[in-house]
Amino acid sequence: MKSGILSVLAAAAALLFASHASLAQTDAKFEVGTHYQELAVPQPTSAEPGKVEVAEIFMFGCPGCFGFEPHLERWLETKPDYVSFIRIPARWNPLAETHARAYYTAEVLGIADEIAGPFFNEVHMNGNHLDTEAKLAQFFANYGVEPATFSNTFKSFAVDAKLGRAKDLVERYRVRSTPTVVVNGKYLTTGQLAGTYPNWFAIIDELAARERGAGSE
């Protein structure tokens, strides 16, 4: 008798779970092909187990990325703890190549988050394109980096390796414009697809939450 009751309860619980799962699917606000794209081949991420990676593909010289930055910074202050955010610089022209090397130099030195906003401002507000190693060394000096340390890191194997991986990922993601956001190596969304900044971050949050749920099943 007891086992029969338990079986009935288990069946009811399974039915309730299935109903909730169905509701969660129909409650999705955004649609693939309209608000975001699903990558044909999911790509590996660098996120730790239990984390969902959100990657911004950007260029410091890109006006759209500059406009996106303050909205991104506000989102980073409130993003879920399970989201692991990274930046991936695109290398589509000589200036972008120099800036990508500078970004990964900052990452190796542990100051990437510190310099990101000021770097954008220096380029877009101060008119300093930071297009030479000398200008970059002077910029990095503002963050306590000695010229020799900057130069050695800027030309290091570690930075070369990061640049190579970034180039590979941008190609694998089939990114065509910046800024573009890729969620967990599976979904790609842009400002054009989202329509507005609030929608864009709502899409990112929805996809990240879905990936977190998928990972816990």
N, C-alpha and C. Protein backbone atom coordinates (compact mmCIF):
# COMPACT_ATOMS: atom_id res chain seq x y z
N MET A 1 0.84 -1.21 0.00
CA MET A 1 0.00 0.00 0.00
C MET A 1 0.86 1.25 0.00
N LYS A 2 1.86 1.23 0.91
CA LYS A 2 2.77 2.39 0.99
C LYS A 2 3.51 2.61 -0.32
N SER A 3 4.00 1.52 -0.93
CA SER A 3 4.74 1.65 -2.17
C SER A 3 3.84 2.17 -3.28
N GLY A 4 2.56 1.80 -3.25
CA GLY A 4 1.62 2.28 -4.25
C GLY A 4 1.42 3.77 -4.15
N ILE A 5 1.31 4.27 -2.92
CA ILE A 5 1.14 5.71 -2.70
C ILE A 5 2.36 6.47 -3.18
N LEU A 6 3.53 5.91 -2.87
CA LEU A 6 4.78 6.55 -3.30
C LEU A 6 4.86 6.61 -4.82
N SER A 7 4.41 5.57 -5.48
CA SER A 7 4.45 5.56 -6.94
C SER A 7 3.54 6.63 -7.52
N VAL A 8 2.37 6.77 -6.92
CA VAL A 8 1.43 7.79 -7.39
C VAL A 8 2.01 9.18 -7.19
N LEU A 9 2.64 9.41 -6.01
CA LEU A 9 3.25 10.70 -5.72
C LEU A 9 4.40 11.00 -6.69
N ALA A 10 5.19 9.97 -6.98
CA ALA A 10 6.31 10.15 -7.91
C ALA A 10 5.80 10.50 -9.30
N ALA A 11 4.74 9.84 -9.74
CA ALA A 11 4.18 10.13 -11.05
C ALA A 11 3.63 11.55 -11.10
N ALA A 12 2.98 11.96 -10.01
CA ALA A 12 2.43 13.32 -9.95
C ALA A 12 3.54 14.35 -10.00
N ALA A 13 4.63 14.07 -9.28
CA ALA A 13 5.76 15.00 -9.26
C ALA A 13 6.38 15.11 -10.65
N ALA A 14 6.49 13.97 -11.34
CA ALA A 14 7.06 13.99 -12.69
C ALA A 14 6.18 14.78 -13.63
N LEU A 15 4.85 14.62 -13.49
CA LEU A 15 3.92 15.36 -14.34
C LEU A 15 4.02 16.86 -14.07
N LEU A 16 4.15 17.22 -12.77
CA LEU A 16 4.27 18.63 -12.40
C LEU A 16 5.55 19.23 -12.96
N PHE A 17 6.66 18.48 -12.88
CA PHE A 17 7.94 18.95 -13.42
C PHE A 17 7.85 19.17 -14.92
N ALA A 18 7.20 18.21 -15.61
CA ALA A 18 7.06 18.33 -17.06
C ALA A 18 6.22 19.55 -17.43
N SER A 19 5.19 19.81 -16.64
CA SER A 19 4.33 20.97 -16.89
C SER A 19 5.11 22.26 -16.73
N HIS A 20 5.93 22.34 -15.66
CA HIS A 20 6.75 23.53 -15.42
C HIS A 20 7.76 23.71 -16.55
N ALA A 21 8.36 22.62 -17.01
CA ALA A 21 9.34 22.70 -18.09
C ALA A 21 8.69 23.22 -19.36
N SER A 22 7.45 22.72 -19.64
CA SER A 22 6.73 23.18 -20.82
C SER A 22 6.41 24.66 -20.72
N LEU A 23 5.99 25.09 -19.52
CA LEU A 23 5.68 26.50 -19.32
C LEU A 23 6.92 27.37 -19.50
N ALA A 24 8.08 26.87 -19.00
CA ALA A 24 9.32 27.64 -19.11
C ALA A 24 9.68 27.86 -20.57
N GLN A 25 9.43 26.82 -21.40
CA GLN A 25 9.74 26.95 -22.81
C GLN A 25 8.83 27.97 -23.50
N THR A 26 7.53 27.93 -23.16
CA THR A 26 6.60 28.84 -23.82
C THR A 26 6.72 30.26 -23.27
N ASP A 27 7.33 30.42 -22.08
CA ASP A 27 7.48 31.75 -21.49
C ASP A 27 8.65 32.52 -22.09
N ALA A 28 9.47 31.88 -22.91
CA ALA A 28 10.62 32.56 -23.51
C ALA A 28 10.14 33.77 -24.30
N LYS A 29 10.77 34.90 -24.04
CA LYS A 29 10.36 36.16 -24.69
C LYS A 29 10.95 36.31 -26.09
N PHE A 30 12.07 35.64 -26.32
CA PHE A 30 12.82 35.91 -27.55
C PHE A 30 12.94 34.65 -28.40
N GLU A 31 13.04 34.85 -29.71
CA GLU A 31 13.00 33.73 -30.65
C GLU A 31 14.29 33.62 -31.44
N VAL A 32 14.72 32.37 -31.64
CA VAL A 32 15.89 32.11 -32.46
C VAL A 32 15.57 32.52 -33.89
N GLY A 33 16.55 33.14 -34.56
CA GLY A 33 16.36 33.60 -35.92
C GLY A 33 15.80 35.00 -36.00
N THR A 34 15.20 35.46 -34.91
CA THR A 34 14.66 36.82 -34.86
C THR A 34 15.49 37.70 -33.94
N HIS A 35 15.68 37.25 -32.70
CA HIS A 35 16.40 38.05 -31.71
C HIS A 35 17.83 37.55 -31.47
N TYR A 36 18.09 36.33 -31.85
CA TYR A 36 19.43 35.76 -31.71
C TYR A 36 19.58 34.63 -32.70
N GLN A 37 20.82 34.21 -32.91
CA GLN A 37 21.10 33.11 -33.82
C GLN A 37 21.74 31.97 -33.03
N GLU A 38 21.44 30.77 -33.44
CA GLU A 38 22.06 29.59 -32.83
C GLU A 38 23.20 29.14 -33.73
N LEU A 39 24.38 29.01 -33.15
CA LEU A 39 25.53 28.59 -33.94
C LEU A 39 25.35 27.16 -34.44
N ALA A 40 25.71 26.91 -35.69
CA ALA A 40 25.55 25.57 -36.26
C ALA A 40 26.37 24.55 -35.49
N VAL A 41 27.56 24.97 -35.05
CA VAL A 41 28.44 24.08 -34.28
C VAL A 41 28.80 24.79 -32.98
N PRO A 42 28.30 24.34 -31.83
CA PRO A 42 28.67 24.96 -30.55
C PRO A 42 30.18 24.91 -30.35
N GLN A 43 30.71 25.98 -29.76
CA GLN A 43 32.15 26.09 -29.56
C GLN A 43 32.50 25.94 -28.07
N PRO A 44 33.67 25.38 -27.77
CA PRO A 44 34.07 25.25 -26.37
C PRO A 44 34.30 26.62 -25.74
N THR A 45 34.09 26.69 -24.45
CA THR A 45 34.30 27.94 -23.72
C THR A 45 35.42 27.77 -22.71
N SER A 46 35.82 28.89 -22.12
CA SER A 46 36.86 28.86 -21.09
C SER A 46 36.26 28.99 -19.70
N ALA A 47 34.92 28.91 -19.60
CA ALA A 47 34.26 29.08 -18.31
C ALA A 47 34.50 27.88 -17.40
N GLU A 48 34.54 28.13 -16.10
CA GLU A 48 34.67 27.07 -15.12
C GLU A 48 33.38 26.25 -15.06
N PRO A 49 33.45 25.02 -14.57
CA PRO A 49 32.23 24.21 -14.43
C PRO A 49 31.19 24.95 -13.59
N GLY A 50 29.95 24.88 -14.04
CA GLY A 50 28.87 25.57 -13.33
C GLY A 50 28.68 27.01 -13.75
N LYS A 51 29.56 27.51 -14.61
CA LYS A 51 29.46 28.89 -15.09
C LYS A 51 28.97 28.92 -16.54
N VAL A 52 28.33 30.02 -16.91
CA VAL A 52 27.90 30.24 -18.28
C VAL A 52 28.71 31.41 -18.84
N GLU A 53 29.39 31.17 -19.94
CA GLU A 53 30.24 32.21 -20.52
C GLU A 53 29.44 33.17 -21.40
N VAL A 54 29.65 34.45 -21.18
CA VAL A 54 29.11 35.49 -22.05
C VAL A 54 30.32 36.25 -22.60
N ALA A 55 30.48 36.21 -23.92
CA ALA A 55 31.66 36.80 -24.56
C ALA A 55 31.25 37.97 -25.45
N GLU A 56 31.92 39.10 -25.27
CA GLU A 56 31.72 40.23 -26.17
C GLU A 56 32.85 40.26 -27.18
N ILE A 57 32.50 40.22 -28.46
CA ILE A 57 33.50 40.41 -29.51
C ILE A 57 33.46 41.90 -29.86
N PHE A 58 34.60 42.57 -29.74
CA PHE A 58 34.62 44.02 -29.81
C PHE A 58 35.90 44.52 -30.47
N MET A 59 35.92 45.82 -30.76
CA MET A 59 37.13 46.52 -31.16
C MET A 59 37.14 47.87 -30.43
N PHE A 60 38.28 48.26 -29.89
CA PHE A 60 38.36 49.53 -29.20
C PHE A 60 38.08 50.71 -30.14
N GLY A 61 38.38 50.56 -31.42
CA GLY A 61 38.17 51.64 -32.37
C GLY A 61 36.76 51.70 -32.94
N CYS A 62 35.89 50.78 -32.53
CA CYS A 62 34.54 50.67 -33.06
C CYS A 62 33.59 51.63 -32.33
N PRO A 63 32.96 52.59 -33.03
CA PRO A 63 32.03 53.50 -32.37
C PRO A 63 30.86 52.79 -31.69
N GLY A 64 30.36 51.72 -32.32
CA GLY A 64 29.28 50.96 -31.71
C GLY A 64 29.69 50.32 -30.40
N CYS A 65 30.92 49.84 -30.33
CA CYS A 65 31.44 49.24 -29.09
C CYS A 65 31.58 50.30 -28.00
N PHE A 66 32.01 51.49 -28.41
CA PHE A 66 32.12 52.60 -27.47
C PHE A 66 30.75 52.96 -26.91
N GLY A 67 29.72 53.00 -27.76
CA GLY A 67 28.37 53.28 -27.30
C GLY A 67 27.81 52.18 -26.43
N PHE A 68 28.21 50.95 -26.69
CA PHE A 68 27.74 49.78 -25.93
C PHE A 68 28.36 49.72 -24.54
N GLU A 69 29.58 50.24 -24.41
CA GLU A 69 30.38 50.06 -23.19
C GLU A 69 29.67 50.50 -21.90
N PRO A 70 29.09 51.70 -21.81
CA PRO A 70 28.46 52.07 -20.54
C PRO A 70 27.29 51.17 -20.16
N HIS A 71 26.54 50.69 -21.15
CA HIS A 71 25.44 49.76 -20.88
C HIS A 71 26.00 48.42 -20.38
N LEU A 72 27.08 47.99 -21.01
CA LEU A 72 27.74 46.75 -20.59
C LEU A 72 28.26 46.86 -19.17
N GLU A 73 28.88 47.99 -18.84
CA GLU A 73 29.43 48.17 -17.51
C GLU A 73 28.33 48.10 -16.45
N ARG A 74 27.17 48.69 -16.74
CA ARG A 74 26.06 48.63 -15.78
C ARG A 74 25.56 47.21 -15.62
N TRP A 75 25.49 46.47 -16.73
CA TRP A 75 25.06 45.07 -16.66
C TRP A 75 26.05 44.23 -15.86
N LEU A 76 27.32 44.49 -16.02
CA LEU A 76 28.34 43.72 -15.30
C LEU A 76 28.21 43.89 -13.79
N GLU A 77 27.69 45.03 -13.36
CA GLU A 77 27.52 45.27 -11.92
C GLU A 77 26.40 44.44 -11.33
N THR A 78 25.47 43.99 -12.17
CA THR A 78 24.29 43.28 -11.66
C THR A 78 24.12 41.88 -12.27
N LYS A 79 25.03 41.46 -13.12
CA LYS A 79 24.89 40.16 -13.78
C LYS A 79 24.84 39.03 -12.76
N PRO A 80 24.19 37.93 -13.10
CA PRO A 80 24.15 36.78 -12.19
C PRO A 80 25.55 36.26 -11.89
N ASP A 81 25.72 35.70 -10.70
CA ASP A 81 27.03 35.18 -10.30
C ASP A 81 27.49 34.03 -11.19
N TYR A 82 26.54 33.33 -11.79
CA TYR A 82 26.94 32.17 -12.61
C TYR A 82 27.43 32.57 -14.00
N VAL A 83 27.35 33.85 -14.34
CA VAL A 83 27.83 34.31 -15.64
C VAL A 83 29.31 34.67 -15.57
N SER A 84 30.08 34.09 -16.46
CA SER A 84 31.50 34.41 -16.60
C SER A 84 31.68 35.25 -17.85
N PHE A 85 32.03 36.53 -17.67
CA PHE A 85 32.13 37.44 -18.81
C PHE A 85 33.56 37.56 -19.29
N ILE A 86 33.73 37.52 -20.62
CA ILE A 86 35.04 37.74 -21.22
C ILE A 86 34.89 38.66 -22.42
N ARG A 87 35.98 39.29 -22.79
CA ARG A 87 36.03 40.09 -24.01
C ARG A 87 36.95 39.38 -25.01
N ILE A 88 36.55 39.42 -26.27
CA ILE A 88 37.38 38.84 -27.34
C ILE A 88 37.57 39.92 -28.40
N PRO A 89 38.77 40.48 -28.52
CA PRO A 89 38.99 41.52 -29.53
C PRO A 89 39.06 40.96 -30.94
N ALA A 90 38.32 41.59 -31.84
CA ALA A 90 38.41 41.24 -33.26
C ALA A 90 39.64 41.91 -33.86
N ARG A 91 40.23 41.29 -34.88
CA ARG A 91 41.47 41.79 -35.48
C ARG A 91 41.27 42.00 -36.97
N TRP A 92 40.40 42.93 -37.34
CA TRP A 92 39.99 43.06 -38.72
C TRP A 92 40.73 44.12 -39.51
N ASN A 93 41.62 44.86 -38.87
CA ASN A 93 42.44 45.85 -39.57
C ASN A 93 43.69 46.09 -38.74
N PRO A 94 44.70 46.78 -39.27
CA PRO A 94 45.95 46.96 -38.53
C PRO A 94 45.78 47.63 -37.16
N LEU A 95 44.90 48.64 -37.06
CA LEU A 95 44.68 49.29 -35.77
C LEU A 95 44.02 48.33 -34.79
N ALA A 96 43.05 47.56 -35.26
CA ALA A 96 42.39 46.58 -34.40
C ALA A 96 43.39 45.52 -33.93
N GLU A 97 44.32 45.16 -34.79
CA GLU A 97 45.36 44.20 -34.43
C GLU A 97 46.22 44.75 -33.29
N THR A 98 46.61 46.01 -33.40
CA THR A 98 47.42 46.65 -32.35
C THR A 98 46.64 46.73 -31.05
N HIS A 99 45.38 47.12 -31.13
CA HIS A 99 44.55 47.23 -29.93
C HIS A 99 44.29 45.87 -29.29
N ALA A 100 44.10 44.84 -30.12
CA ALA A 100 43.90 43.49 -29.58
C ALA A 100 45.14 43.04 -28.81
N ARG A 101 46.31 43.32 -29.36
CA ARG A 101 47.56 42.97 -28.67
C ARG A 101 47.67 43.75 -27.36
N ALA A 102 47.25 45.02 -27.38
CA ALA A 102 47.27 45.83 -26.15
C ALA A 102 46.31 45.26 -25.11
N TYR A 103 45.12 44.85 -25.56
CA TYR A 103 44.14 44.30 -24.62
C TYR A 103 44.68 43.04 -23.93
N TYR A 104 45.26 42.15 -24.72
CA TYR A 104 45.78 40.92 -24.12
C TYR A 104 47.04 41.18 -23.29
N THR A 105 47.76 42.23 -23.62
CA THR A 105 48.88 42.64 -22.76
C THR A 105 48.33 43.02 -21.39
N ALA A 106 47.25 43.80 -21.38
CA ALA A 106 46.61 44.19 -20.12
C ALA A 106 46.08 42.97 -19.38
N GLU A 107 45.54 42.00 -20.12
CA GLU A 107 45.01 40.80 -19.48
C GLU A 107 46.13 40.00 -18.80
N VAL A 108 47.24 39.85 -19.50
CA VAL A 108 48.38 39.12 -18.91
C VAL A 108 48.89 39.85 -17.66
N LEU A 109 48.85 41.17 -17.70
CA LEU A 109 49.33 41.98 -16.56
C LEU A 109 48.27 42.13 -15.46
N GLY A 110 47.08 41.60 -15.69
CA GLY A 110 46.04 41.63 -14.67
C GLY A 110 45.30 42.94 -14.54
N ILE A 111 45.30 43.77 -15.60
CA ILE A 111 44.63 45.08 -15.51
C ILE A 111 43.63 45.28 -16.65
N ALA A 112 43.17 44.21 -17.27
CA ALA A 112 42.28 44.34 -18.42
C ALA A 112 40.98 45.06 -18.05
N ASP A 113 40.38 44.69 -16.93
CA ASP A 113 39.13 45.33 -16.53
C ASP A 113 39.36 46.80 -16.19
N GLU A 114 40.51 47.09 -15.65
CA GLU A 114 40.82 48.46 -15.23
C GLU A 114 41.00 49.40 -16.41
N ILE A 115 41.58 48.90 -17.49
CA ILE A 115 41.91 49.79 -18.61
C ILE A 115 40.83 49.88 -19.68
N ALA A 116 39.85 48.97 -19.67
CA ALA A 116 38.90 48.88 -20.79
C ALA A 116 38.16 50.19 -21.03
N GLY A 117 37.48 50.71 -20.01
CA GLY A 117 36.73 51.95 -20.17
C GLY A 117 37.62 53.13 -20.53
N PRO A 118 38.72 53.35 -19.80
CA PRO A 118 39.62 54.45 -20.15
C PRO A 118 40.22 54.32 -21.55
N PHE A 119 40.45 53.11 -22.02
CA PHE A 119 40.99 52.90 -23.36
C PHE A 119 39.99 53.41 -24.40
N PHE A 120 38.72 53.02 -24.23
CA PHE A 120 37.67 53.52 -25.12
C PHE A 120 37.63 55.05 -25.10
N ASN A 121 37.68 55.63 -23.91
CA ASN A 121 37.61 57.09 -23.79
C ASN A 121 38.80 57.77 -24.45
N GLU A 122 39.96 57.17 -24.29
CA GLU A 122 41.17 57.75 -24.87
C GLU A 122 41.05 57.83 -26.39
N VAL A 123 40.51 56.77 -26.98
CA VAL A 123 40.37 56.72 -28.44
C VAL A 123 39.25 57.62 -28.94
N HIS A 124 38.08 57.52 -28.32
CA HIS A 124 36.88 58.17 -28.87
C HIS A 124 36.62 59.56 -28.33
N MET A 125 37.11 59.87 -27.15
CA MET A 125 36.86 61.18 -26.57
C MET A 125 38.09 62.09 -26.61
N ASN A 126 39.27 61.50 -26.43
CA ASN A 126 40.49 62.31 -26.40
C ASN A 126 41.21 62.35 -27.75
N GLY A 127 40.74 61.56 -28.70
CA GLY A 127 41.35 61.59 -30.03
C GLY A 127 42.73 60.97 -30.11
N ASN A 128 43.13 60.24 -29.08
CA ASN A 128 44.41 59.54 -29.09
C ASN A 128 44.15 58.10 -29.53
N HIS A 129 44.51 57.76 -30.75
CA HIS A 129 44.16 56.46 -31.31
C HIS A 129 44.99 55.31 -30.76
N LEU A 130 45.98 55.62 -29.94
CA LEU A 130 46.82 54.58 -29.33
C LEU A 130 47.26 53.58 -30.41
N ASP A 131 47.81 54.12 -31.47
CA ASP A 131 48.13 53.31 -32.64
C ASP A 131 49.61 52.94 -32.77
N THR A 132 50.40 53.26 -31.78
CA THR A 132 51.81 52.85 -31.79
C THR A 132 52.17 52.24 -30.43
N GLU A 133 53.24 51.48 -30.45
CA GLU A 133 53.69 50.87 -29.20
C GLU A 133 54.10 51.95 -28.19
N ALA A 134 54.69 53.04 -28.67
CA ALA A 134 55.12 54.12 -27.76
C ALA A 134 53.92 54.77 -27.07
N LYS A 135 52.86 55.05 -27.84
CA LYS A 135 51.66 55.64 -27.24
C LYS A 135 51.01 54.69 -26.24
N LEU A 136 51.01 53.42 -26.58
CA LEU A 136 50.42 52.43 -25.68
C LEU A 136 51.23 52.30 -24.39
N ALA A 137 52.56 52.34 -24.52
CA ALA A 137 53.42 52.26 -23.33
C ALA A 137 53.14 53.44 -22.40
N GLN A 138 52.95 54.61 -22.98
CA GLN A 138 52.64 55.79 -22.18
C GLN A 138 51.28 55.65 -21.50
N PHE A 139 50.30 55.09 -22.21
CA PHE A 139 48.98 54.86 -21.64
C PHE A 139 49.07 53.87 -20.49
N PHE A 140 49.78 52.78 -20.68
CA PHE A 140 49.91 51.75 -19.65
C PHE A 140 50.66 52.27 -18.43
N ALA A 141 51.54 53.25 -18.63
CA ALA A 141 52.28 53.84 -17.51
C ALA A 141 51.33 54.46 -16.50
N ASN A 142 50.15 54.89 -16.95
CA ASN A 142 49.16 55.46 -16.04
C ASN A 142 48.64 54.42 -15.05
N TYR A 143 48.90 53.16 -15.32
CA TYR A 143 48.43 52.07 -14.46
C TYR A 143 49.60 51.36 -13.79
N GLY A 144 50.72 52.07 -13.72
CA GLY A 144 51.87 51.55 -12.98
C GLY A 144 52.70 50.53 -13.73
N VAL A 145 52.54 50.44 -15.04
CA VAL A 145 53.30 49.46 -15.84
C VAL A 145 54.55 50.13 -16.38
N GLU A 146 55.70 49.60 -16.02
CA GLU A 146 56.97 50.13 -16.51
C GLU A 146 57.10 49.89 -18.02
N PRO A 147 57.75 50.82 -18.74
CA PRO A 147 57.90 50.66 -20.19
C PRO A 147 58.50 49.33 -20.61
N ALA A 148 59.51 48.87 -19.89
CA ALA A 148 60.14 47.60 -20.25
C ALA A 148 59.18 46.43 -20.04
N THR A 149 58.43 46.49 -18.96
CA THR A 149 57.44 45.43 -18.68
C THR A 149 56.38 45.41 -19.77
N PHE A 150 55.92 46.61 -20.15
CA PHE A 150 54.92 46.68 -21.21
C PHE A 150 55.47 46.09 -22.50
N SER A 151 56.66 46.53 -22.91
CA SER A 151 57.24 46.09 -24.18
C SER A 151 57.44 44.59 -24.21
N ASN A 152 57.97 44.03 -23.13
CA ASN A 152 58.23 42.58 -23.07
C ASN A 152 56.93 41.78 -23.14
N THR A 153 55.90 42.26 -22.45
CA THR A 153 54.62 41.56 -22.44
C THR A 153 53.92 41.70 -23.78
N PHE A 154 53.97 42.90 -24.35
CA PHE A 154 53.33 43.20 -25.63
C PHE A 154 53.83 42.26 -26.73
N LYS A 155 55.10 41.85 -26.65
CA LYS A 155 55.71 41.00 -27.67
C LYS A 155 55.84 39.54 -27.21
N SER A 156 55.18 39.19 -26.14
CA SER A 156 55.39 37.88 -25.52
C SER A 156 54.63 36.76 -26.22
N PHE A 157 55.08 35.54 -25.97
CA PHE A 157 54.41 34.35 -26.49
C PHE A 157 53.01 34.23 -25.91
N ALA A 158 52.84 34.59 -24.64
CA ALA A 158 51.53 34.49 -23.99
C ALA A 158 50.50 35.34 -24.73
N VAL A 159 50.88 36.55 -25.11
CA VAL A 159 49.96 37.43 -25.85
C VAL A 159 49.72 36.88 -27.25
N ASP A 160 50.77 36.38 -27.90
CA ASP A 160 50.62 35.78 -29.23
C ASP A 160 49.60 34.62 -29.18
N ALA A 161 49.68 33.80 -28.15
CA ALA A 161 48.78 32.66 -28.02
C ALA A 161 47.33 33.12 -27.85
N LYS A 162 47.12 34.14 -27.04
CA LYS A 162 45.76 34.67 -26.84
C LYS A 162 45.21 35.26 -28.13
N LEU A 163 46.06 35.95 -28.89
CA LEU A 163 45.64 36.52 -30.16
C LEU A 163 45.22 35.43 -31.15
N GLY A 164 45.98 34.35 -31.14
CA GLY A 164 45.65 33.24 -32.04
C GLY A 164 44.32 32.61 -31.70
N ARG A 165 44.07 32.42 -30.41
CA ARG A 165 42.79 31.84 -29.99
C ARG A 165 41.64 32.79 -30.32
N ALA A 166 41.84 34.08 -30.11
CA ALA A 166 40.79 35.06 -30.40
C ALA A 166 40.43 35.03 -31.88
N LYS A 167 41.43 35.00 -32.74
CA LYS A 167 41.19 34.97 -34.19
C LYS A 167 40.39 33.72 -34.56
N ASP A 168 40.76 32.59 -33.98
CA ASP A 168 40.08 31.33 -34.25
C ASP A 168 38.61 31.40 -33.81
N LEU A 169 38.36 31.94 -32.61
CA LEU A 169 37.00 31.99 -32.10
C LEU A 169 36.12 32.92 -32.92
N VAL A 170 36.65 34.08 -33.28
CA VAL A 170 35.86 35.02 -34.08
C VAL A 170 35.46 34.38 -35.41
N GLU A 171 36.35 33.60 -35.99
CA GLU A 171 36.04 32.91 -37.24
C GLU A 171 35.02 31.80 -37.01
N ARG A 172 35.19 31.06 -35.93
CA ARG A 172 34.26 29.96 -35.64
C ARG A 172 32.86 30.47 -35.31
N TYR A 173 32.80 31.61 -34.62
CA TYR A 173 31.51 32.22 -34.30
C TYR A 173 30.86 32.85 -35.53
N ARG A 174 31.64 33.04 -36.59
CA ARG A 174 31.15 33.70 -37.81
C ARG A 174 30.65 35.12 -37.51
N VAL A 175 31.41 35.83 -36.71
CA VAL A 175 31.06 37.20 -36.36
C VAL A 175 31.29 38.10 -37.56
N ARG A 176 30.31 38.95 -37.85
CA ARG A 176 30.39 39.85 -39.01
C ARG A 176 30.44 41.32 -38.62
N SER A 177 30.16 41.63 -37.37
CA SER A 177 30.17 43.03 -36.92
C SER A 177 30.46 43.08 -35.43
N THR A 178 30.86 44.25 -34.98
CA THR A 178 31.07 44.45 -33.55
C THR A 178 30.22 45.64 -33.09
N PRO A 179 29.74 45.60 -31.83
CA PRO A 179 29.89 44.51 -30.88
C PRO A 179 28.92 43.36 -31.16
N THR A 180 29.37 42.16 -30.90
CA THR A 180 28.54 40.96 -30.95
C THR A 180 28.72 40.22 -29.64
N VAL A 181 27.65 39.63 -29.14
CA VAL A 181 27.72 38.87 -27.89
C VAL A 181 27.41 37.41 -28.18
N VAL A 182 28.24 36.52 -27.66
CA VAL A 182 28.05 35.08 -27.82
C VAL A 182 27.84 34.48 -26.42
N VAL A 183 26.74 33.75 -26.27
CA VAL A 183 26.40 33.15 -24.98
C VAL A 183 26.75 31.66 -24.99
N ASN A 184 27.67 31.31 -24.13
CA ASN A 184 28.08 29.91 -23.88
C ASN A 184 28.51 29.16 -25.14
N GLY A 185 29.08 29.89 -26.10
CA GLY A 185 29.57 29.25 -27.31
C GLY A 185 28.48 28.70 -28.21
N LYS A 186 27.20 29.07 -27.94
CA LYS A 186 26.07 28.49 -28.67
C LYS A 186 25.19 29.51 -29.38
N TYR A 187 25.04 30.68 -28.77
CA TYR A 187 24.08 31.66 -29.29
C TYR A 187 24.77 33.00 -29.53
N LEU A 188 24.38 33.64 -30.62
CA LEU A 188 24.97 34.92 -31.01
C LEU A 188 23.87 35.96 -31.12
N THR A 189 24.11 37.14 -30.55
CA THR A 189 23.13 38.22 -30.67
C THR A 189 23.85 39.56 -30.86
N THR A 190 23.19 40.45 -31.57
CA THR A 190 23.76 41.76 -31.88
C THR A 190 22.72 42.84 -31.58
N GLY A 191 23.17 44.08 -31.62
CA GLY A 191 22.25 45.19 -31.42
C GLY A 191 21.18 45.24 -32.49
N GLN A 192 21.55 44.90 -33.73
CA GLN A 192 20.58 44.91 -34.82
C GLN A 192 19.48 43.89 -34.58
N LEU A 193 19.84 42.71 -34.08
CA LEU A 193 18.85 41.68 -33.79
C LEU A 193 17.99 42.07 -32.59
N ALA A 194 18.63 42.64 -31.57
CA ALA A 194 17.91 42.97 -30.34
C ALA A 194 17.00 44.18 -30.51
N GLY A 195 17.46 45.17 -31.23
CA GLY A 195 16.65 46.37 -31.46
C GLY A 195 16.91 47.49 -30.48
N THR A 196 17.03 47.16 -29.19
CA THR A 196 17.30 48.15 -28.15
C THR A 196 18.29 47.58 -27.16
N TYR A 197 18.95 48.46 -26.41
CA TYR A 197 19.88 47.98 -25.38
C TYR A 197 19.17 47.14 -24.31
N PRO A 198 18.01 47.59 -23.78
CA PRO A 198 17.33 46.77 -22.77
C PRO A 198 16.99 45.37 -23.30
N ASN A 199 16.50 45.30 -24.55
CA ASN A 199 16.22 43.99 -25.14
C ASN A 199 17.47 43.15 -25.24
N TRP A 200 18.56 43.78 -25.63
CA TRP A 200 19.82 43.06 -25.83
C TRP A 200 20.24 42.34 -24.55
N PHE A 201 20.21 43.05 -23.45
CA PHE A 201 20.64 42.43 -22.20
C PHE A 201 19.59 41.45 -21.67
N ALA A 202 18.33 41.68 -21.98
CA ALA A 202 17.29 40.71 -21.61
C ALA A 202 17.50 39.41 -22.38
N ILE A 203 17.89 39.52 -23.66
CA ILE A 203 18.19 38.33 -24.46
C ILE A 203 19.37 37.58 -23.86
N ILE A 204 20.42 38.31 -23.52
CA ILE A 204 21.61 37.69 -22.93
C ILE A 204 21.24 36.97 -21.63
N ASP A 205 20.46 37.64 -20.79
CA ASP A 205 20.06 37.05 -19.51
C ASP A 205 19.22 35.80 -19.72
N GLU A 206 18.29 35.86 -20.68
CA GLU A 206 17.41 34.71 -20.93
C GLU A 206 18.22 33.51 -21.42
N LEU A 207 19.13 33.75 -22.35
CA LEU A 207 19.93 32.65 -22.88
C LEU A 207 20.87 32.09 -21.82
N ALA A 208 21.46 32.96 -21.02
CA ALA A 208 22.36 32.50 -19.95
C ALA A 208 21.60 31.66 -18.94
N ALA A 209 20.40 32.10 -18.57
CA ALA A 209 19.59 31.34 -17.61
C ALA A 209 19.21 29.97 -18.19
N ARG A 210 18.90 29.95 -19.49
CA ARG A 210 18.56 28.68 -20.14
C ARG A 210 19.76 27.73 -20.10
N GLU A 211 20.94 28.26 -20.39
CA GLU A 211 22.14 27.43 -20.39
C GLU A 211 22.48 26.94 -18.99
N ARG A 212 22.24 27.78 -18.01
CA ARG A 212 22.47 27.34 -16.63
C ARG A 212 21.53 26.19 -16.26
N GLY A 213 20.27 26.32 -16.67
CA GLY A 213 19.31 25.25 -16.41
C GLY A 213 19.67 23.97 -17.13
N ALA A 214 20.13 24.09 -18.37
CA ALA A 214 20.54 22.92 -19.14
C ALA A 214 21.71 22.22 -18.49
N GLY A 215 22.62 23.02 -17.90
CA GLY A 215 23.80 22.44 -17.28
C GLY A 215 23.51 21.73 -15.99
N SER A 216 22.38 22.07 -15.35
CA SER A 216 22.07 21.47 -14.05
C SER A 216 21.18 20.26 -14.16
N GLU A 217 20.72 19.96 -15.39
CA GLU A 217 19.83 18.81 -15.55
C GLU A 217 20.61 17.51 -15.49
